Every structure is written in C-alpha cells, then in structure tokens.
Amino acid sequence: LALFVGLAHLEKPQGPRDLPLRVVIPGFIISELR
C-alpha cells in the first residue's frame, strides 16, 4: 500500500480505510501474486 501511495503522491492517510481504490486495488494484486 505504501508503494502506491508514494507513486500516487498522496498525503499520508489517517488509516487504511481512507485510501482510494486506485491505490488499494494494485496493492492487493501484487500482494496476491507474492
């Protein structure tokens, strides 16, 4: 999640639930592949 937050240049969220789907989905995909 931190990888795509940094690539999207987003401010540090208060928690994981505040992340947008455009960050959560690719993070979930690479986690599943790993």
ModelCIF file with pLDDT and N, C-alpha, C, O atoms, coordinates in Angstrom:
data_MODEL
#
_entry.id   MODEL 
#
_entity.id                         1 
_entity.type                       polymer 
_entity.pdbx_number_of_molecules   1 
#
_entity_poly.entity_id                      1 
_entity_poly.type                           'polypeptide(L)' 
_entity_poly.nstd_linkage                   no 
_entity_poly.nstd_monomer                   no 
_entity_poly.pdbx_seq_one_letter_code       LALFVGLAHLEKPQGPRDLPLRVVIPGFIISELR 
_entity_poly.pdbx_seq_one_letter_code_can   LALFVGLAHLEKPQGPRDLPLRVVIPGFIISELR 
_entity_poly.pdbx_strand_id                 A 
#
loop_
_entity_poly_seq.entity_id 
_entity_poly_seq.num 
_entity_poly_seq.mon_id 
_entity_poly_seq.hetero 
1 1  LEU n 
1 2  ALA n 
1 3  LEU n 
1 4  PHE n 
1 5  VAL n 
1 6  GLY n 
1 7  LEU n 
1 8  ALA n 
1 9  HIS n 
1 10 LEU n 
1 11 GLU n 
1 12 LYS n 
1 13 PRO n 
1 14 GLN n 
1 15 GLY n 
1 16 PRO n 
1 17 ARG n 
1 18 ASP n 
1 19 LEU n 
1 20 PRO n 
1 21 LEU n 
1 22 ARG n 
1 23 VAL n 
1 24 VAL n 
1 25 ILE n 
1 26 PRO n 
1 27 GLY n 
1 28 PHE n 
1 29 ILE n 
1 30 ILE n 
1 31 SER n 
1 32 GLU n 
1 33 LEU n 
1 34 ARG n 
#
_struct_asym.id          A 
_struct_asym.entity_id   1 
#
loop_
_ma_qa_metric.id 
_ma_qa_metric.mode 
_ma_qa_metric.name 
_ma_qa_metric.software_group_id 
_ma_qa_metric.type 
1 global pLDDT . pLDDT 
2 local  pLDDT . pLDDT 
#
_ma_qa_metric_global.metric_id      1 
_ma_qa_metric_global.metric_value   80.50 
_ma_qa_metric_global.model_id       1 
_ma_qa_metric_global.ordinal_id     1 
#
loop_
_ma_qa_metric_local.label_asym_id 
_ma_qa_metric_local.label_comp_id 
_ma_qa_metric_local.label_seq_id 
_ma_qa_metric_local.metric_id 
_ma_qa_metric_local.metric_value 
_ma_qa_metric_local.model_id 
_ma_qa_metric_local.ordinal_id 
A LEU 1  2 82.00 1 1  
A ALA 2  2 81.00 1 2  
A LEU 3  2 83.00 1 3  
A PHE 4  2 82.00 1 4  
A VAL 5  2 80.00 1 5  
A GLY 6  2 81.00 1 6  
A LEU 7  2 82.00 1 7  
A ALA 8  2 78.00 1 8  
A HIS 9  2 79.00 1 9  
A LEU 10 2 75.00 1 10 
A GLU 11 2 76.00 1 11 
A LYS 12 2 74.00 1 12 
A PRO 13 2 71.00 1 13 
A GLN 14 2 72.00 1 14 
A GLY 15 2 68.00 1 15 
A PRO 16 2 65.00 1 16 
A ARG 17 2 70.00 1 17 
A ASP 18 2 73.00 1 18 
A LEU 19 2 79.00 1 19 
A PRO 20 2 79.00 1 20 
A LEU 21 2 78.00 1 21 
A ARG 22 2 82.00 1 22 
A VAL 23 2 83.00 1 23 
A VAL 24 2 84.00 1 24 
A ILE 25 2 85.00 1 25 
A PRO 26 2 86.00 1 26 
A GLY 27 2 87.00 1 27 
A PHE 28 2 88.00 1 28 
A ILE 29 2 88.00 1 29 
A ILE 30 2 90.00 1 30 
A SER 31 2 89.00 1 31 
A GLU 32 2 88.00 1 32 
A LEU 33 2 89.00 1 33 
A ARG 34 2 90.00 1 34 
#
loop_
_atom_site.group_PDB 
_atom_site.id 
_atom_site.type_symbol 
_atom_site.label_atom_id 
_atom_site.label_alt_id 
_atom_site.label_comp_id 
_atom_site.label_asym_id 
_atom_site.label_entity_id 
_atom_site.label_seq_id 
_atom_site.pdbx_PDB_ins_code 
_atom_site.Cartn_x 
_atom_site.Cartn_y 
_atom_site.Cartn_z 
_atom_site.occupancy 
_atom_site.B_iso_or_equiv 
_atom_site.pdbx_formal_charge 
_atom_site.auth_seq_id 
_atom_site.auth_comp_id 
_atom_site.auth_asym_id 
_atom_site.auth_atom_id 
_atom_site.pdbx_PDB_model_num 
ATOM 1   N N  . LEU A 1 1  ? 0.830   -1.203  0.000  1.00 82.00 ? 1  LEU A N  1 
ATOM 2   C CA . LEU A 1 1  ? 0.000   0.000   0.000  1.00 82.00 ? 1  LEU A CA 1 
ATOM 3   C C  . LEU A 1 1  ? 0.868   1.258   0.000  1.00 82.00 ? 1  LEU A C  1 
ATOM 4   O O  . LEU A 1 1  ? 0.574   2.220   -0.710 1.00 82.00 ? 1  LEU A O  1 
ATOM 5   N N  . ALA A 1 2  ? 1.936   1.247   0.797  1.00 81.00 ? 2  ALA A N  1 
ATOM 6   C CA . ALA A 1 2  ? 2.814   2.418   0.866  1.00 81.00 ? 2  ALA A CA 1 
ATOM 7   C C  . ALA A 1 2  ? 3.489   2.684   -0.473 1.00 81.00 ? 2  ALA A C  1 
ATOM 8   O O  . ALA A 1 2  ? 3.745   3.837   -0.819 1.00 81.00 ? 2  ALA A O  1 
ATOM 9   N N  . LEU A 1 3  ? 3.781   1.620   -1.235 1.00 83.00 ? 3  LEU A N  1 
ATOM 10  C CA . LEU A 1 3  ? 4.391   1.795   -2.551 1.00 83.00 ? 3  LEU A CA 1 
ATOM 11  C C  . LEU A 1 3  ? 3.509   2.639   -3.462 1.00 83.00 ? 3  LEU A C  1 
ATOM 12  O O  . LEU A 1 3  ? 3.985   3.592   -4.079 1.00 83.00 ? 3  LEU A O  1 
ATOM 13  N N  . PHE A 1 4  ? 2.237   2.296   -3.550 1.00 82.00 ? 4  PHE A N  1 
ATOM 14  C CA . PHE A 1 4  ? 1.343   3.009   -4.466 1.00 82.00 ? 4  PHE A CA 1 
ATOM 15  C C  . PHE A 1 4  ? 0.898   4.352   -3.901 1.00 82.00 ? 4  PHE A C  1 
ATOM 16  O O  . PHE A 1 4  ? 0.551   5.256   -4.662 1.00 82.00 ? 4  PHE A O  1 
ATOM 17  N N  . VAL A 1 5  ? 0.903   4.497   -2.576 1.00 80.00 ? 5  VAL A N  1 
ATOM 18  C CA . VAL A 1 5  ? 0.647   5.822   -2.003 1.00 80.00 ? 5  VAL A CA 1 
ATOM 19  C C  . VAL A 1 5  ? 1.766   6.774   -2.399 1.00 80.00 ? 5  VAL A C  1 
ATOM 20  O O  . VAL A 1 5  ? 1.516   7.932   -2.733 1.00 80.00 ? 5  VAL A O  1 
ATOM 21  N N  . GLY A 1 6  ? 3.017   6.274   -2.359 1.00 81.00 ? 6  GLY A N  1 
ATOM 22  C CA . GLY A 1 6  ? 4.139   7.104   -2.769 1.00 81.00 ? 6  GLY A CA 1 
ATOM 23  C C  . GLY A 1 6  ? 4.142   7.395   -4.259 1.00 81.00 ? 6  GLY A C  1 
ATOM 24  O O  . GLY A 1 6  ? 4.448   8.510   -4.681 1.00 81.00 ? 6  GLY A O  1 
ATOM 25  N N  . LEU A 1 7  ? 3.799   6.380   -5.064 1.00 82.00 ? 7  LEU A N  1 
ATOM 26  C CA . LEU A 1 7  ? 3.772   6.603   -6.516 1.00 82.00 ? 7  LEU A CA 1 
ATOM 27  C C  . LEU A 1 7  ? 2.660   7.560   -6.922 1.00 82.00 ? 7  LEU A C  1 
ATOM 28  O O  . LEU A 1 7  ? 2.801   8.290   -7.904 1.00 82.00 ? 7  LEU A O  1 
ATOM 29  N N  . ALA A 1 8  ? 1.556   7.566   -6.177 1.00 78.00 ? 8  ALA A N  1 
ATOM 30  C CA . ALA A 1 8  ? 0.443   8.472   -6.484 1.00 78.00 ? 8  ALA A CA 1 
ATOM 31  C C  . ALA A 1 8  ? 0.627   9.849   -5.867 1.00 78.00 ? 8  ALA A C  1 
ATOM 32  O O  . ALA A 1 8  ? -0.179  10.750  -6.103 1.00 78.00 ? 8  ALA A O  1 
ATOM 33  N N  . HIS A 1 9  ? 1.703   10.021  -5.063 1.00 79.00 ? 9  HIS A N  1 
ATOM 34  C CA . HIS A 1 9  ? 1.995   11.314  -4.409 1.00 79.00 ? 9  HIS A CA 1 
ATOM 35  C C  . HIS A 1 9  ? 0.809   11.764  -3.556 1.00 79.00 ? 9  HIS A C  1 
ATOM 36  O O  . HIS A 1 9  ? 0.403   12.925  -3.603 1.00 79.00 ? 9  HIS A O  1 
ATOM 37  N N  . LEU A 1 10 ? 0.264   10.839  -2.784 1.00 75.00 ? 10 LEU A N  1 
ATOM 38  C CA . LEU A 1 10 ? -0.844  11.163  -1.894 1.00 75.00 ? 10 LEU A CA 1 
ATOM 39  C C  . LEU A 1 10 ? -0.310  11.523  -0.510 1.00 75.00 ? 10 LEU A C  1 
ATOM 40  O O  . LEU A 1 10 ? 0.770   11.088  -0.109 1.00 75.00 ? 10 LEU A O  1 
ATOM 41  N N  . GLU A 1 11 ? -1.083  12.319  0.201  1.00 76.00 ? 11 GLU A N  1 
ATOM 42  C CA . GLU A 1 11 ? -0.738  12.612  1.578  1.00 76.00 ? 11 GLU A CA 1 
ATOM 43  C C  . GLU A 1 11 ? -0.944  11.375  2.442  1.00 76.00 ? 11 GLU A C  1 
ATOM 44  O O  . GLU A 1 11 ? -1.775  10.522  2.130  1.00 76.00 ? 11 GLU A O  1 
ATOM 45  N N  . LYS A 1 12 ? -0.189  11.282  3.523  1.00 74.00 ? 12 LYS A N  1 
ATOM 46  C CA . LYS A 1 12 ? -0.297  10.128  4.394  1.00 74.00 ? 12 LYS A CA 1 
ATOM 47  C C  . LYS A 1 12 ? -1.707  10.038  4.974  1.00 74.00 ? 12 LYS A C  1 
ATOM 48  O O  . LYS A 1 12 ? -2.147  10.968  5.651  1.00 74.00 ? 12 LYS A O  1 
ATOM 49  N N  . PRO A 1 13 ? -2.420  8.946   4.726  1.00 71.00 ? 13 PRO A N  1 
ATOM 50  C CA . PRO A 1 13 ? -3.801  8.849   5.210  1.00 71.00 ? 13 PRO A CA 1 
ATOM 51  C C  . PRO A 1 13 ? -3.851  8.585   6.713  1.00 71.00 ? 13 PRO A C  1 
ATOM 52  O O  . PRO A 1 13 ? -2.869  8.159   7.319  1.00 71.00 ? 13 PRO A O  1 
ATOM 53  N N  . GLN A 1 14 ? -5.012  8.848   7.294  1.00 72.00 ? 14 GLN A N  1 
ATOM 54  C CA . GLN A 1 14 ? -5.200  8.579   8.709  1.00 72.00 ? 14 GLN A CA 1 
ATOM 55  C C  . GLN A 1 14 ? -5.199  7.084   8.995  1.00 72.00 ? 14 GLN A C  1 
ATOM 56  O O  . GLN A 1 14 ? -4.760  6.657   10.063 1.00 72.00 ? 14 GLN A O  1 
ATOM 57  N N  . GLY A 1 15 ? -5.687  6.288   8.052  1.00 68.00 ? 15 GLY A N  1 
ATOM 58  C CA . GLY A 1 15 ? -5.744  4.844   8.200  1.00 68.00 ? 15 GLY A CA 1 
ATOM 59  C C  . GLY A 1 15 ? -5.936  4.182   6.851  1.00 68.00 ? 15 GLY A C  1 
ATOM 60  O O  . GLY A 1 15 ? -6.172  4.869   5.858  1.00 68.00 ? 15 GLY A O  1 
ATOM 61  N N  . PRO A 1 16 ? -5.840  2.865   6.795  1.00 65.00 ? 16 PRO A N  1 
ATOM 62  C CA . PRO A 1 16 ? -6.000  2.170   5.504  1.00 65.00 ? 16 PRO A CA 1 
ATOM 63  C C  . PRO A 1 16 ? -7.358  2.398   4.863  1.00 65.00 ? 16 PRO A C  1 
ATOM 64  O O  . PRO A 1 16 ? -7.461  2.407   3.636  1.00 65.00 ? 16 PRO A O  1 
ATOM 65  N N  . ARG A 1 17 ? -8.412  2.582   5.668  1.00 70.00 ? 17 ARG A N  1 
ATOM 66  C CA . ARG A 1 17 ? -9.753  2.753   5.109  1.00 70.00 ? 17 ARG A CA 1 
ATOM 67  C C  . ARG A 1 17 ? -9.897  4.063   4.346  1.00 70.00 ? 17 ARG A C  1 
ATOM 68  O O  . ARG A 1 17 ? -10.817 4.212   3.542  1.00 70.00 ? 17 ARG A O  1 
ATOM 69  N N  . ASP A 1 18 ? -8.999  5.013   4.589  1.00 73.00 ? 18 ASP A N  1 
ATOM 70  C CA . ASP A 1 18 ? -9.065  6.296   3.887  1.00 73.00 ? 18 ASP A CA 1 
ATOM 71  C C  . ASP A 1 18 ? -8.398  6.245   2.519  1.00 73.00 ? 18 ASP A C  1 
ATOM 72  O O  . ASP A 1 18 ? -8.440  7.229   1.781  1.00 73.00 ? 18 ASP A O  1 
ATOM 73  N N  . LEU A 1 19 ? -7.786  5.124   2.165  1.00 79.00 ? 19 LEU A N  1 
ATOM 74  C CA . LEU A 1 19 ? -7.114  5.017   0.875  1.00 79.00 ? 19 LEU A CA 1 
ATOM 75  C C  . LEU A 1 19 ? -8.121  4.870   -0.257 1.00 79.00 ? 19 LEU A C  1 
ATOM 76  O O  . LEU A 1 19 ? -9.137  4.199   -0.081 1.00 79.00 ? 19 LEU A O  1 
ATOM 77  N N  . PRO A 1 20 ? -7.870  5.472   -1.405 1.00 79.00 ? 20 PRO A N  1 
ATOM 78  C CA . PRO A 1 20 ? -8.770  5.286   -2.559 1.00 79.00 ? 20 PRO A CA 1 
ATOM 79  C C  . PRO A 1 20 ? -8.568  3.924   -3.200 1.00 79.00 ? 20 PRO A C  1 
ATOM 80  O O  . PRO A 1 20 ? -7.540  3.274   -3.006 1.00 79.00 ? 20 PRO A O  1 
ATOM 81  N N  . LEU A 1 21 ? -9.563  3.504   -3.966 1.00 78.00 ? 21 LEU A N  1 
ATOM 82  C CA . LEU A 1 21 ? -9.488  2.199   -4.619 1.00 78.00 ? 21 LEU A CA 1 
ATOM 83  C C  . LEU A 1 21 ? -8.341  2.124   -5.618 1.00 78.00 ? 21 LEU A C  1 
ATOM 84  O O  . LEU A 1 21 ? -7.791  1.043   -5.829 1.00 78.00 ? 21 LEU A O  1 
ATOM 85  N N  . ARG A 1 22 ? -7.963  3.236   -6.237 1.00 82.00 ? 22 ARG A N  1 
ATOM 86  C CA . ARG A 1 22 ? -6.875  3.199   -7.209 1.00 82.00 ? 22 ARG A CA 1 
ATOM 87  C C  . ARG A 1 22 ? -5.539  2.892   -6.563 1.00 82.00 ? 22 ARG A C  1 
ATOM 88  O O  . ARG A 1 22 ? -4.575  2.579   -7.263 1.00 82.00 ? 22 ARG A O  1 
ATOM 89  N N  . VAL A 1 23 ? -5.460  2.976   -5.242 1.00 83.00 ? 23 VAL A N  1 
ATOM 90  C CA . VAL A 1 23 ? -4.270  2.565   -4.505 1.00 83.00 ? 23 VAL A CA 1 
ATOM 91  C C  . VAL A 1 23 ? -4.445  1.168   -3.935 1.00 83.00 ? 23 VAL A C  1 
ATOM 92  O O  . VAL A 1 23 ? -3.505  0.373   -3.938 1.00 83.00 ? 23 VAL A O  1 
ATOM 93  N N  . VAL A 1 24 ? -5.641  0.864   -3.446 1.00 84.00 ? 24 VAL A N  1 
ATOM 94  C CA . VAL A 1 24 ? -5.874  -0.427  -2.792 1.00 84.00 ? 24 VAL A CA 1 
ATOM 95  C C  . VAL A 1 24 ? -5.815  -1.578  -3.801 1.00 84.00 ? 24 VAL A C  1 
ATOM 96  O O  . VAL A 1 24 ? -5.234  -2.624  -3.511 1.00 84.00 ? 24 VAL A O  1 
ATOM 97  N N  . ILE A 1 25 ? -6.412  -1.392  -4.982 1.00 85.00 ? 25 ILE A N  1 
ATOM 98  C CA . ILE A 1 25 ? -6.502  -2.498  -5.947 1.00 85.00 ? 25 ILE A CA 1 
ATOM 99  C C  . ILE A 1 25 ? -5.123  -2.960  -6.419 1.00 85.00 ? 25 ILE A C  1 
ATOM 100 O O  . ILE A 1 25 ? -4.851  -4.157  -6.327 1.00 85.00 ? 25 ILE A O  1 
ATOM 101 N N  . PRO A 1 26 ? -4.230  -2.091  -6.921 1.00 86.00 ? 26 PRO A N  1 
ATOM 102 C CA . PRO A 1 26 ? -2.900  -2.605  -7.341 1.00 86.00 ? 26 PRO A CA 1 
ATOM 103 C C  . PRO A 1 26 ? -2.087  -3.154  -6.178 1.00 86.00 ? 26 PRO A C  1 
ATOM 104 O O  . PRO A 1 26 ? -1.334  -4.111  -6.356 1.00 86.00 ? 26 PRO A O  1 
ATOM 105 N N  . GLY A 1 27 ? -2.223  -2.564  -4.977 1.00 87.00 ? 27 GLY A N  1 
ATOM 106 C CA . GLY A 1 27 ? -1.529  -3.133  -3.830 1.00 87.00 ? 27 GLY A CA 1 
ATOM 107 C C  . GLY A 1 27 ? -2.027  -4.525  -3.496 1.00 87.00 ? 27 GLY A C  1 
ATOM 108 O O  . GLY A 1 27 ? -1.240  -5.408  -3.156 1.00 87.00 ? 27 GLY A O  1 
ATOM 109 N N  . PHE A 1 28 ? -3.331  -4.722  -3.593 1.00 88.00 ? 28 PHE A N  1 
ATOM 110 C CA . PHE A 1 28 ? -3.913  -6.045  -3.347 1.00 88.00 ? 28 PHE A CA 1 
ATOM 111 C C  . PHE A 1 28 ? -3.433  -7.046  -4.394 1.00 88.00 ? 28 PHE A C  1 
ATOM 112 O O  . PHE A 1 28 ? -3.154  -8.197  -4.058 1.00 88.00 ? 28 PHE A O  1 
ATOM 113 N N  . ILE A 1 29 ? -3.334  -6.635  -5.644 1.00 88.00 ? 29 ILE A N  1 
ATOM 114 C CA . ILE A 1 29 ? -2.936  -7.555  -6.715 1.00 88.00 ? 29 ILE A CA 1 
ATOM 115 C C  . ILE A 1 29 ? -1.510  -8.050  -6.503 1.00 88.00 ? 29 ILE A C  1 
ATOM 116 O O  . ILE A 1 29 ? -1.261  -9.253  -6.577 1.00 88.00 ? 29 ILE A O  1 
ATOM 117 N N  . ILE A 1 30 ? -0.572  -7.145  -6.240 1.00 90.00 ? 30 ILE A N  1 
ATOM 118 C CA . ILE A 1 30 ? 0.811   -7.598  -6.089 1.00 90.00 ? 30 ILE A CA 1 
ATOM 119 C C  . ILE A 1 30 ? 0.989   -8.413  -4.803 1.00 90.00 ? 30 ILE A C  1 
ATOM 120 O O  . ILE A 1 30 ? 1.862   -9.278  -4.733 1.00 90.00 ? 30 ILE A O  1 
ATOM 121 N N  . SER A 1 31 ? 0.165   -8.137  -3.789 1.00 89.00 ? 31 SER A N  1 
ATOM 122 C CA . SER A 1 31 ? 0.213   -8.967  -2.586 1.00 89.00 ? 31 SER A CA 1 
ATOM 123 C C  . SER A 1 31 ? -0.267  -10.380 -2.889 1.00 89.00 ? 31 SER A C  1 
ATOM 124 O O  . SER A 1 31 ? 0.320   -11.352 -2.415 1.00 89.00 ? 31 SER A O  1 
ATOM 125 N N  . GLU A 1 32 ? -1.334  -10.496 -3.677 1.00 88.00 ? 32 GLU A N  1 
ATOM 126 C CA . GLU A 1 32 ? -1.849  -11.809 -4.045 1.00 88.00 ? 32 GLU A CA 1 
ATOM 127 C C  . GLU A 1 32 ? -0.848  -12.567 -4.917 1.00 88.00 ? 32 GLU A C  1 
ATOM 128 O O  . GLU A 1 32 ? -0.681  -13.777 -4.761 1.00 88.00 ? 32 GLU A O  1 
ATOM 129 N N  . LEU A 1 33 ? -0.186  -11.867 -5.829 1.00 89.00 ? 33 LEU A N  1 
ATOM 130 C CA . LEU A 1 33 ? 0.829   -12.522 -6.656 1.00 89.00 ? 33 LEU A CA 1 
ATOM 131 C C  . LEU A 1 33 ? 1.987   -13.028 -5.803 1.00 89.00 ? 33 LEU A C  1 
ATOM 132 O O  . LEU A 1 33 ? 2.487   -14.132 -6.022 1.00 89.00 ? 33 LEU A O  1 
ATOM 133 N N  . ARG A 1 34 ? 2.407   -12.233 -4.842 1.00 90.00 ? 34 ARG A N  1 
ATOM 134 C CA . ARG A 1 34 ? 3.510   -12.654 -3.967 1.00 90.00 ? 34 ARG A CA 1 
ATOM 135 C C  . ARG A 1 34 ? 3.127   -13.906 -3.184 1.00 90.00 ? 34 ARG A C  1 
ATOM 136 O O  . ARG A 1 34 ? 3.926   -14.410 -2.395 1.00 90.00 ? 34 ARG A O  1 
#
